[in-house]
N, C-alpha and C. Protein backbone atom coordinates (compact mmCIF):
# COMPACT_ATOMS: atom_id res chain seq x y z
N MET A 1 -11.51 -22.87 -49.22
CA MET A 1 -11.36 -23.68 -47.86
C MET A 1 -12.39 -24.63 -47.92
N LYS A 2 -12.09 -26.08 -47.49
CA LYS A 2 -13.07 -27.11 -47.27
C LYS A 2 -13.73 -26.84 -46.15
N ALA A 3 -15.08 -27.44 -46.10
CA ALA A 3 -15.93 -27.13 -45.22
C ALA A 3 -15.49 -27.57 -44.07
N THR A 4 -14.84 -28.76 -43.68
CA THR A 4 -14.24 -29.28 -42.56
C THR A 4 -12.95 -28.39 -42.13
N THR A 5 -12.45 -27.82 -42.80
CA THR A 5 -11.30 -26.91 -42.33
C THR A 5 -12.04 -25.65 -41.73
N ARG A 6 -12.79 -24.96 -42.42
CA ARG A 6 -13.75 -23.88 -42.06
C ARG A 6 -14.35 -24.32 -40.56
N ALA A 7 -14.84 -25.37 -40.51
CA ALA A 7 -15.50 -25.62 -39.07
C ALA A 7 -14.46 -25.98 -38.01
N VAL A 8 -13.28 -26.24 -38.40
CA VAL A 8 -12.26 -26.47 -37.37
C VAL A 8 -11.66 -25.23 -36.90
N VAL A 9 -11.48 -24.27 -38.03
CA VAL A 9 -11.20 -22.80 -37.93
C VAL A 9 -12.16 -21.95 -36.98
N SER A 10 -13.39 -22.53 -37.25
CA SER A 10 -14.30 -21.57 -36.56
C SER A 10 -14.69 -21.89 -35.08
N VAL A 11 -14.50 -23.26 -34.78
CA VAL A 11 -14.37 -23.71 -33.29
C VAL A 11 -13.34 -23.30 -32.66
N ALA A 12 -11.90 -23.26 -33.42
CA ALA A 12 -10.95 -22.34 -32.73
C ALA A 12 -11.09 -21.13 -32.46
N ILE A 13 -11.62 -20.51 -33.23
CA ILE A 13 -11.84 -18.94 -32.87
C ILE A 13 -12.72 -19.02 -31.81
N VAL A 14 -13.87 -19.58 -31.78
CA VAL A 14 -14.85 -19.30 -30.66
C VAL A 14 -14.21 -19.85 -29.36
N VAL A 15 -13.43 -21.01 -29.33
CA VAL A 15 -12.61 -21.39 -27.95
C VAL A 15 -11.63 -20.48 -27.52
N LEU A 16 -10.81 -20.06 -28.51
CA LEU A 16 -9.99 -18.96 -28.21
C LEU A 16 -10.76 -17.65 -27.81
N GLY A 17 -11.59 -17.33 -28.25
CA GLY A 17 -12.31 -16.05 -27.89
C GLY A 17 -12.85 -16.09 -26.20
N CYS A 18 -13.42 -17.50 -26.06
CA CYS A 18 -13.89 -17.96 -24.57
C CYS A 18 -12.87 -17.75 -23.70
N SER A 19 -11.45 -18.16 -24.14
CA SER A 19 -10.65 -18.30 -23.24
C SER A 19 -10.06 -17.27 -23.01
N ASP A 20 -9.83 -16.18 -23.97
CA ASP A 20 -9.76 -14.75 -23.71
C ASP A 20 -10.59 -13.97 -22.69
N SER A 21 -11.97 -14.37 -22.84
CA SER A 21 -13.01 -13.93 -22.04
C SER A 21 -12.93 -14.38 -20.56
N ARG A 22 -12.50 -15.47 -20.57
CA ARG A 22 -12.62 -16.10 -19.33
C ARG A 22 -11.13 -15.66 -18.39
N ARG A 23 -10.30 -15.31 -19.24
CA ARG A 23 -9.04 -15.07 -18.55
C ARG A 23 -9.17 -13.80 -17.99
N SER A 24 -9.83 -12.74 -18.99
CA SER A 24 -10.14 -11.28 -18.54
C SER A 24 -11.14 -11.20 -17.38
N SER A 25 -12.28 -12.21 -17.19
CA SER A 25 -12.94 -12.36 -16.14
C SER A 25 -12.37 -12.63 -14.78
N GLU A 26 -11.33 -13.55 -15.11
CA GLU A 26 -10.42 -13.90 -13.66
C GLU A 26 -9.57 -13.10 -13.36
N LEU A 27 -9.28 -12.22 -14.45
CA LEU A 27 -8.18 -10.85 -13.96
C LEU A 27 -9.10 -10.03 -13.13
N GLU A 28 -10.29 -9.71 -13.74
CA GLU A 28 -11.27 -8.72 -13.12
C GLU A 28 -11.71 -9.19 -11.73
N ASP A 29 -11.79 -10.59 -11.33
CA ASP A 29 -12.00 -11.00 -10.19
C ASP A 29 -10.85 -10.84 -9.34
N ARG A 30 -9.65 -11.32 -10.03
CA ARG A 30 -8.53 -11.26 -8.84
C ARG A 30 -8.36 -9.72 -8.54
N ARG A 31 -8.46 -8.82 -9.54
CA ARG A 31 -8.38 -7.57 -9.26
C ARG A 31 -9.16 -6.80 -8.16
N ALA A 32 -10.58 -7.47 -8.09
CA ALA A 32 -11.47 -7.08 -6.93
C ALA A 32 -10.87 -7.46 -5.84
N VAL A 33 -10.40 -8.72 -5.36
CA VAL A 33 -9.92 -9.46 -4.69
C VAL A 33 -8.90 -8.68 -3.79
N VAL A 34 -7.88 -8.15 -4.85
CA VAL A 34 -6.64 -7.64 -4.47
C VAL A 34 -7.18 -6.03 -3.64
N ALA A 35 -8.18 -5.48 -4.70
CA ALA A 35 -8.60 -4.24 -3.93
C ALA A 35 -9.14 -4.37 -2.56
N THR A 36 -9.91 -5.29 -2.46
CA THR A 36 -10.72 -5.46 -1.12
C THR A 36 -9.71 -5.90 0.11
N THR A 37 -8.59 -6.78 -0.21
CA THR A 37 -7.55 -7.23 0.70
C THR A 37 -6.61 -5.95 0.97
N GLY A 38 -6.51 -5.15 0.03
CA GLY A 38 -5.57 -4.14 -0.08
C GLY A 38 -5.99 -2.89 0.79
N SER A 39 -7.42 -2.89 0.75
CA SER A 39 -7.99 -1.86 1.65
C SER A 39 -7.77 -2.07 3.11
N ALA A 40 -7.46 -3.33 3.44
CA ALA A 40 -7.10 -3.76 4.95
C ALA A 40 -5.82 -3.34 5.27
N VAL A 41 -5.02 -3.32 4.35
CA VAL A 41 -3.77 -2.90 4.57
C VAL A 41 -3.27 -1.42 4.13
N MET A 42 -3.85 -0.84 2.84
CA MET A 42 -3.44 0.59 2.47
C MET A 42 -4.57 1.32 2.90
N PRO A 43 -4.40 2.26 3.92
CA PRO A 43 -5.43 3.00 4.51
C PRO A 43 -5.93 4.11 3.40
N PHE A 44 -5.31 4.35 2.13
CA PHE A 44 -5.75 5.28 1.25
C PHE A 44 -6.64 4.67 0.48
N ASP A 45 -7.45 5.71 -0.21
CA ASP A 45 -8.70 5.22 -1.02
C ASP A 45 -8.14 4.98 -2.60
N LEU A 46 -8.14 3.52 -3.17
CA LEU A 46 -7.49 3.32 -4.48
C LEU A 46 -7.98 4.08 -5.47
N ASP A 47 -9.29 4.49 -5.33
CA ASP A 47 -9.99 5.31 -6.39
C ASP A 47 -9.84 6.39 -6.66
N ARG A 48 -8.83 7.19 -5.44
CA ARG A 48 -8.47 8.60 -5.49
C ARG A 48 -7.02 8.73 -5.45
N THR A 49 -6.22 7.51 -5.56
CA THR A 49 -4.83 7.62 -5.85
C THR A 49 -4.29 6.67 -6.70
N THR A 50 -3.16 7.05 -7.40
CA THR A 50 -2.41 6.10 -8.39
C THR A 50 -1.05 5.46 -7.78
N HIS A 51 -1.12 4.31 -8.20
CA HIS A 51 0.58 3.75 -7.87
C HIS A 51 1.31 3.65 -9.13
N VAL A 52 2.48 4.09 -9.10
CA VAL A 52 3.46 4.15 -10.03
C VAL A 52 4.59 2.97 -9.97
N PHE A 53 4.98 2.07 -10.61
CA PHE A 53 5.97 1.44 -10.71
C PHE A 53 7.04 1.74 -11.71
N GLN A 54 8.20 2.27 -11.18
CA GLN A 54 9.03 2.41 -12.43
C GLN A 54 10.43 1.51 -12.20
N LYS A 55 10.65 0.88 -13.27
CA LYS A 55 11.87 -0.27 -13.25
C LYS A 55 13.06 0.50 -13.31
N THR A 56 13.92 0.30 -12.87
CA THR A 56 15.41 1.25 -13.18
C THR A 56 16.33 -0.14 -13.36
N ASP A 57 17.47 0.41 -13.80
CA ASP A 57 18.67 -0.71 -13.93
C ASP A 57 19.03 -1.15 -12.82
N VAL A 58 18.89 -0.56 -11.70
CA VAL A 58 19.39 -1.05 -10.07
C VAL A 58 18.24 -1.24 -9.33
N GLY A 59 17.16 -1.39 -9.86
CA GLY A 59 15.95 -1.84 -8.95
C GLY A 59 14.64 -1.13 -9.66
N GLY A 60 14.17 -0.07 -8.70
CA GLY A 60 12.84 0.67 -9.15
C GLY A 60 12.61 1.83 -8.12
N ARG A 61 11.64 2.38 -8.74
CA ARG A 61 10.92 3.37 -7.90
C ARG A 61 9.35 2.90 -7.73
N GLN A 62 8.91 3.12 -6.72
CA GLN A 62 7.52 2.73 -6.23
C GLN A 62 6.95 4.15 -5.89
N GLU A 63 6.01 4.66 -6.34
CA GLU A 63 5.26 5.96 -6.01
C GLU A 63 3.60 5.97 -5.97
N VAL A 64 3.30 6.32 -4.87
CA VAL A 64 1.66 6.60 -4.68
C VAL A 64 1.34 7.97 -4.58
N TYR A 65 0.56 8.48 -5.11
CA TYR A 65 0.12 10.14 -5.17
C TYR A 65 -1.35 9.98 -5.28
N ALA A 66 -1.74 11.21 -4.84
CA ALA A 66 -3.40 11.60 -4.63
C ALA A 66 -3.56 11.94 -6.01
N ASP A 67 -4.63 11.65 -6.61
CA ASP A 67 -5.04 12.21 -8.19
C ASP A 67 -5.68 13.73 -7.94
N SER A 68 -5.68 13.93 -6.51
CA SER A 68 -5.97 15.91 -6.64
C SER A 68 -5.37 15.97 -5.53
N ASP A 69 -5.59 17.38 -5.09
CA ASP A 69 -4.86 17.97 -3.87
C ASP A 69 -5.55 17.56 -2.79
N ASP A 70 -6.00 16.33 -2.34
CA ASP A 70 -6.58 15.85 -1.22
C ASP A 70 -5.53 15.44 -0.28
N GLN A 71 -5.58 16.62 0.73
CA GLN A 71 -4.27 16.32 1.80
C GLN A 71 -4.61 15.17 2.79
N ALA A 72 -5.85 14.82 2.87
CA ALA A 72 -6.22 13.53 3.61
C ALA A 72 -5.43 12.51 3.16
N GLN A 73 -5.84 12.36 1.88
CA GLN A 73 -5.12 11.20 0.88
C GLN A 73 -3.52 11.12 1.15
N VAL A 74 -2.78 12.23 0.86
CA VAL A 74 -1.58 12.61 0.74
C VAL A 74 -1.09 12.08 2.11
N ALA A 75 -1.75 12.22 3.34
CA ALA A 75 -1.17 12.06 4.48
C ALA A 75 -1.24 10.51 4.96
N LEU A 76 -2.40 10.07 4.28
CA LEU A 76 -2.34 8.43 4.45
C LEU A 76 -1.56 7.70 3.48
N ILE A 77 -1.24 8.42 2.58
CA ILE A 77 -0.28 7.64 1.55
C ILE A 77 1.15 7.65 2.41
N ARG A 78 1.63 8.65 2.91
CA ARG A 78 2.68 9.04 3.39
C ARG A 78 3.04 8.14 4.65
N ALA A 79 2.05 7.93 5.45
CA ALA A 79 2.11 7.32 6.53
C ALA A 79 2.21 5.77 6.22
N HIS A 80 1.65 5.37 5.05
CA HIS A 80 1.68 4.12 4.80
C HIS A 80 3.03 3.45 4.22
N LEU A 81 3.45 4.36 3.12
CA LEU A 81 4.70 4.28 2.48
C LEU A 81 5.84 4.59 3.45
N ARG A 82 5.73 5.30 4.58
CA ARG A 82 6.72 5.16 5.18
C ARG A 82 6.89 3.97 6.09
N ASP A 83 5.70 3.47 6.73
CA ASP A 83 5.64 2.19 7.41
C ASP A 83 6.41 1.02 6.65
N GLU A 84 5.87 1.19 5.39
CA GLU A 84 6.15 0.01 4.43
C GLU A 84 7.73 0.02 4.14
N ALA A 85 8.23 1.11 3.89
CA ALA A 85 9.82 1.42 3.68
C ALA A 85 10.45 0.52 5.10
N GLU A 86 9.97 0.93 6.19
CA GLU A 86 10.64 0.61 7.30
C GLU A 86 10.56 -1.20 7.47
N ARG A 87 9.22 -1.52 6.90
CA ARG A 87 9.04 -3.11 7.21
C ARG A 87 10.14 -3.49 6.06
N PHE A 88 10.07 -3.26 4.95
CA PHE A 88 10.95 -3.77 3.71
C PHE A 88 12.28 -3.79 4.01
N SER A 89 12.63 -2.59 4.65
CA SER A 89 14.25 -2.57 5.03
C SER A 89 14.74 -3.70 5.88
N LYS A 90 13.60 -3.97 6.49
CA LYS A 90 14.21 -5.28 7.41
C LYS A 90 13.66 -6.30 6.96
N GLY A 91 13.06 -6.98 5.70
CA GLY A 91 12.84 -8.05 5.23
C GLY A 91 11.41 -8.42 5.45
N ASP A 92 10.57 -7.45 6.06
CA ASP A 92 9.28 -7.77 6.29
C ASP A 92 8.31 -7.52 5.06
N PHE A 93 8.26 -8.47 4.24
CA PHE A 93 7.41 -7.95 2.94
C PHE A 93 5.75 -8.74 3.17
N HIS A 94 5.49 -8.77 4.43
CA HIS A 94 4.00 -9.69 4.76
C HIS A 94 2.98 -9.04 4.16
N HIS A 95 2.89 -7.51 4.02
CA HIS A 95 1.84 -6.75 3.51
C HIS A 95 1.53 -7.04 1.98
N PRO A 96 2.43 -7.12 1.56
CA PRO A 96 2.21 -7.22 -0.12
C PRO A 96 1.86 -8.97 -0.48
N GLU A 97 2.42 -9.80 0.60
CA GLU A 97 1.97 -11.04 0.74
C GLU A 97 0.52 -11.21 0.76
N MET A 98 0.28 -10.48 1.64
CA MET A 98 -1.23 -10.34 2.27
C MET A 98 -2.29 -10.00 0.90
N ILE A 99 -1.98 -9.08 0.36
CA ILE A 99 -2.62 -8.65 -0.65
C ILE A 99 -2.53 -9.29 -2.04
N HIS A 100 -1.38 -9.56 -2.39
CA HIS A 100 -1.05 -10.41 -3.55
C HIS A 100 -1.04 -11.78 -3.53
N GLY A 101 -1.01 -12.44 -2.53
CA GLY A 101 -0.58 -13.84 -2.18
C GLY A 101 0.79 -14.25 -2.19
N GLU A 102 1.00 -15.49 -1.39
CA GLU A 102 2.15 -16.08 -1.23
C GLU A 102 3.11 -16.30 -2.28
N GLY A 103 2.29 -16.61 -3.53
CA GLY A 103 3.23 -16.94 -4.83
C GLY A 103 3.82 -15.62 -5.66
N MET A 104 3.64 -14.62 -4.66
CA MET A 104 3.93 -12.90 -5.63
C MET A 104 5.06 -13.30 -6.33
N PRO A 105 5.26 -13.24 -7.65
CA PRO A 105 6.69 -13.09 -8.17
C PRO A 105 7.70 -12.01 -7.62
N GLY A 106 8.74 -12.66 -7.47
CA GLY A 106 10.09 -11.81 -6.79
C GLY A 106 9.90 -11.66 -5.41
N LEU A 107 8.87 -11.87 -4.65
CA LEU A 107 8.75 -11.77 -3.25
C LEU A 107 9.78 -12.38 -2.54
N HIS A 108 9.69 -13.76 -2.81
CA HIS A 108 10.59 -14.76 -2.22
C HIS A 108 11.87 -14.08 -2.18
N GLU A 109 12.52 -13.79 -3.44
CA GLU A 109 13.87 -13.21 -3.72
C GLU A 109 14.14 -11.95 -2.80
N LEU A 110 13.00 -11.27 -2.85
CA LEU A 110 13.46 -9.80 -1.99
C LEU A 110 13.25 -10.28 -0.44
N VAL A 111 12.90 -11.07 0.21
CA VAL A 111 12.73 -11.24 1.61
C VAL A 111 13.90 -11.97 1.79
N ALA A 112 14.54 -12.94 0.93
CA ALA A 112 15.80 -13.58 1.30
C ALA A 112 17.12 -12.61 1.06
N GLY A 113 16.53 -11.69 0.05
CA GLY A 113 18.14 -10.93 -0.35
C GLY A 113 17.93 -9.42 0.21
N PHE A 114 17.03 -9.41 1.13
CA PHE A 114 16.48 -7.97 1.74
C PHE A 114 17.84 -7.25 2.12
N GLU A 115 18.70 -8.06 2.88
CA GLU A 115 20.21 -7.30 3.34
C GLU A 115 20.94 -6.66 2.18
N ARG A 116 20.61 -7.08 0.90
CA ARG A 116 21.34 -6.49 -0.15
C ARG A 116 20.56 -5.48 -1.14
N LEU A 117 19.52 -4.97 -0.44
CA LEU A 117 18.62 -4.37 -1.10
C LEU A 117 18.44 -2.98 -0.31
N SER A 118 18.76 -1.81 -0.69
CA SER A 118 18.49 -0.41 -0.27
C SER A 118 16.83 -0.07 -0.44
N VAL A 119 16.30 0.30 0.72
CA VAL A 119 15.08 0.79 0.46
C VAL A 119 14.90 2.21 1.15
N GLU A 120 14.60 3.17 0.51
CA GLU A 120 14.53 4.68 0.75
C GLU A 120 13.23 5.32 0.56
N TYR A 121 12.60 5.95 1.65
CA TYR A 121 11.18 6.62 1.42
C TYR A 121 11.73 7.91 1.36
N SER A 122 10.82 8.55 0.73
CA SER A 122 10.76 10.12 0.67
C SER A 122 9.46 10.52 0.06
N GLU A 123 9.26 11.71 0.44
CA GLU A 123 7.88 12.48 0.34
C GLU A 123 7.83 12.94 -1.22
N THR A 124 6.57 13.26 -1.76
CA THR A 124 6.55 13.72 -3.11
C THR A 124 5.23 14.64 -2.97
N ASP A 125 5.14 15.55 -4.11
CA ASP A 125 4.02 16.53 -3.81
C ASP A 125 2.85 16.15 -3.34
N ARG A 126 2.27 15.11 -3.90
CA ARG A 126 1.19 14.58 -3.80
C ARG A 126 1.12 13.24 -2.92
N GLY A 127 2.34 12.72 -2.47
CA GLY A 127 2.17 11.49 -1.83
C GLY A 127 3.53 11.28 -1.38
N ALA A 128 4.24 10.05 -1.88
CA ALA A 128 5.30 9.71 -1.26
C ALA A 128 5.87 8.32 -2.45
N GLN A 129 7.16 8.05 -2.01
CA GLN A 129 7.79 7.03 -3.06
C GLN A 129 8.82 6.40 -2.09
N ILE A 130 9.19 4.96 -2.79
CA ILE A 130 10.37 4.17 -2.03
C ILE A 130 11.03 3.83 -3.49
N LEU A 131 12.48 4.00 -3.17
CA LEU A 131 13.26 3.60 -4.30
C LEU A 131 14.07 2.64 -3.60
N TYR A 132 14.09 1.36 -4.66
CA TYR A 132 14.69 0.28 -4.26
C TYR A 132 15.94 0.26 -5.07
N THR A 133 17.02 -0.03 -4.49
CA THR A 133 18.47 -0.10 -5.14
C THR A 133 19.35 -1.29 -4.70
N THR A 134 19.96 -1.76 -5.61
CA THR A 134 20.75 -2.94 -5.57
C THR A 134 21.86 -2.93 -6.33
N THR A 135 23.08 -3.33 -5.72
CA THR A 135 24.41 -3.84 -6.80
C THR A 135 24.07 -5.37 -7.20
N ASP A 136 23.28 -6.05 -6.70
CA ASP A 136 23.01 -7.55 -6.80
C ASP A 136 22.41 -7.59 -8.11
N THR A 137 22.78 -7.98 -9.06
CA THR A 137 22.30 -8.38 -10.54
C THR A 137 21.27 -9.45 -10.34
N GLU A 138 21.26 -10.29 -9.42
CA GLU A 138 20.14 -11.07 -9.33
C GLU A 138 18.74 -10.87 -8.50
N LEU A 139 18.87 -9.59 -7.79
CA LEU A 139 17.83 -9.26 -7.19
C LEU A 139 16.98 -7.76 -7.96
N VAL A 140 17.79 -7.29 -9.00
CA VAL A 140 17.07 -6.45 -9.96
C VAL A 140 15.79 -7.09 -10.50
N PRO A 141 15.97 -8.40 -11.27
CA PRO A 141 14.79 -8.85 -11.80
C PRO A 141 13.73 -9.35 -10.95
N ALA A 142 14.06 -9.63 -9.34
CA ALA A 142 13.11 -9.84 -8.58
C ALA A 142 12.26 -8.40 -8.20
N VAL A 143 12.98 -7.46 -8.21
CA VAL A 143 12.17 -6.12 -8.25
C VAL A 143 11.21 -5.92 -9.29
N HIS A 144 11.80 -6.11 -10.39
CA HIS A 144 10.94 -5.80 -11.82
C HIS A 144 9.81 -6.95 -11.56
N ALA A 145 9.92 -7.99 -11.36
CA ALA A 145 9.13 -9.16 -11.31
C ALA A 145 7.73 -8.72 -10.46
N TRP A 146 8.31 -8.15 -9.10
CA TRP A 146 7.38 -7.76 -8.25
C TRP A 146 6.69 -6.61 -8.61
N PHE A 147 7.30 -5.65 -9.22
CA PHE A 147 6.59 -4.51 -9.87
C PHE A 147 5.51 -5.06 -10.81
N ASP A 148 5.94 -5.98 -11.81
CA ASP A 148 4.89 -6.28 -12.81
C ASP A 148 3.74 -7.09 -12.27
N ALA A 149 4.02 -7.84 -11.13
CA ALA A 149 2.99 -8.41 -10.38
C ALA A 149 1.90 -7.33 -9.67
N GLN A 150 2.40 -6.08 -9.36
CA GLN A 150 1.46 -5.19 -8.59
C GLN A 150 0.89 -4.51 -9.78
N LEU A 151 1.63 -4.19 -11.21
CA LEU A 151 0.96 -3.48 -12.12
C LEU A 151 -0.35 -4.48 -12.63
N LEU A 152 -0.21 -5.57 -12.75
CA LEU A 152 -1.39 -6.41 -13.30
C LEU A 152 -2.20 -6.47 -12.22
N ASP A 153 -2.05 -6.69 -10.97
CA ASP A 153 -3.06 -6.80 -9.95
C ASP A 153 -3.82 -5.45 -9.54
N HIS A 154 -3.05 -4.41 -9.61
CA HIS A 154 -3.84 -3.12 -9.57
C HIS A 154 -4.53 -2.30 -10.53
N GLY A 155 -4.30 -2.89 -11.91
CA GLY A 155 -5.15 -2.67 -13.22
C GLY A 155 -5.07 -1.10 -12.93
N GLU A 156 -6.09 -0.49 -13.18
CA GLU A 156 -6.45 0.90 -13.60
C GLU A 156 -6.00 1.80 -12.37
N HIS A 157 -5.54 1.21 -11.44
CA HIS A 157 -5.08 1.90 -10.15
C HIS A 157 -3.78 2.20 -10.01
N ALA A 158 -2.92 1.58 -11.06
CA ALA A 158 -1.43 1.79 -11.40
C ALA A 158 -0.91 2.04 -12.77
N THR A 159 0.41 2.59 -12.62
CA THR A 159 0.81 2.65 -13.97
C THR A 159 2.34 2.35 -13.91
N ALA A 160 3.03 2.04 -15.17
CA ALA A 160 4.38 1.91 -15.11
C ALA A 160 4.86 3.25 -15.50
N GLY A 161 5.96 3.39 -14.63
CA GLY A 161 6.50 4.86 -14.66
C GLY A 161 7.61 4.99 -15.74
N SER A 162 7.98 6.05 -16.35
CA SER A 162 8.65 6.28 -17.71
C SER A 162 10.13 6.90 -17.21
């Protein structure tokens, strides 16, 4: 390899490495902002709970559970998700917008199509879940994009369901 080619490749590697590092830092900063704004909306402790976002063929399942048998966290999770399910069923997605921003993927479509989206709350052993189902094939990708955005923003506090 010629010296000039090696120099160009070396510079490209350094630039790409910095770009990845910068993106990682920006993502960490965004997650810190999401955690802070989220604490104003979500009454439970993100460090003591886990969000699960499981995509399905007809929408998805969102679950939040306490990482231990902490009944105080369980009660907070249930109250929050019950309230959110009630809001979402009426097309009110203001809380996710407050936490994740106005341009959150899928959010506009969910607000516009809320009447074609079934939102069902139920309790789980250590928390609660919301099932989102629709026969509208254009809303399913919106639910999935919305879930992907939340997974990215919540980082270690969230997982994709299986």
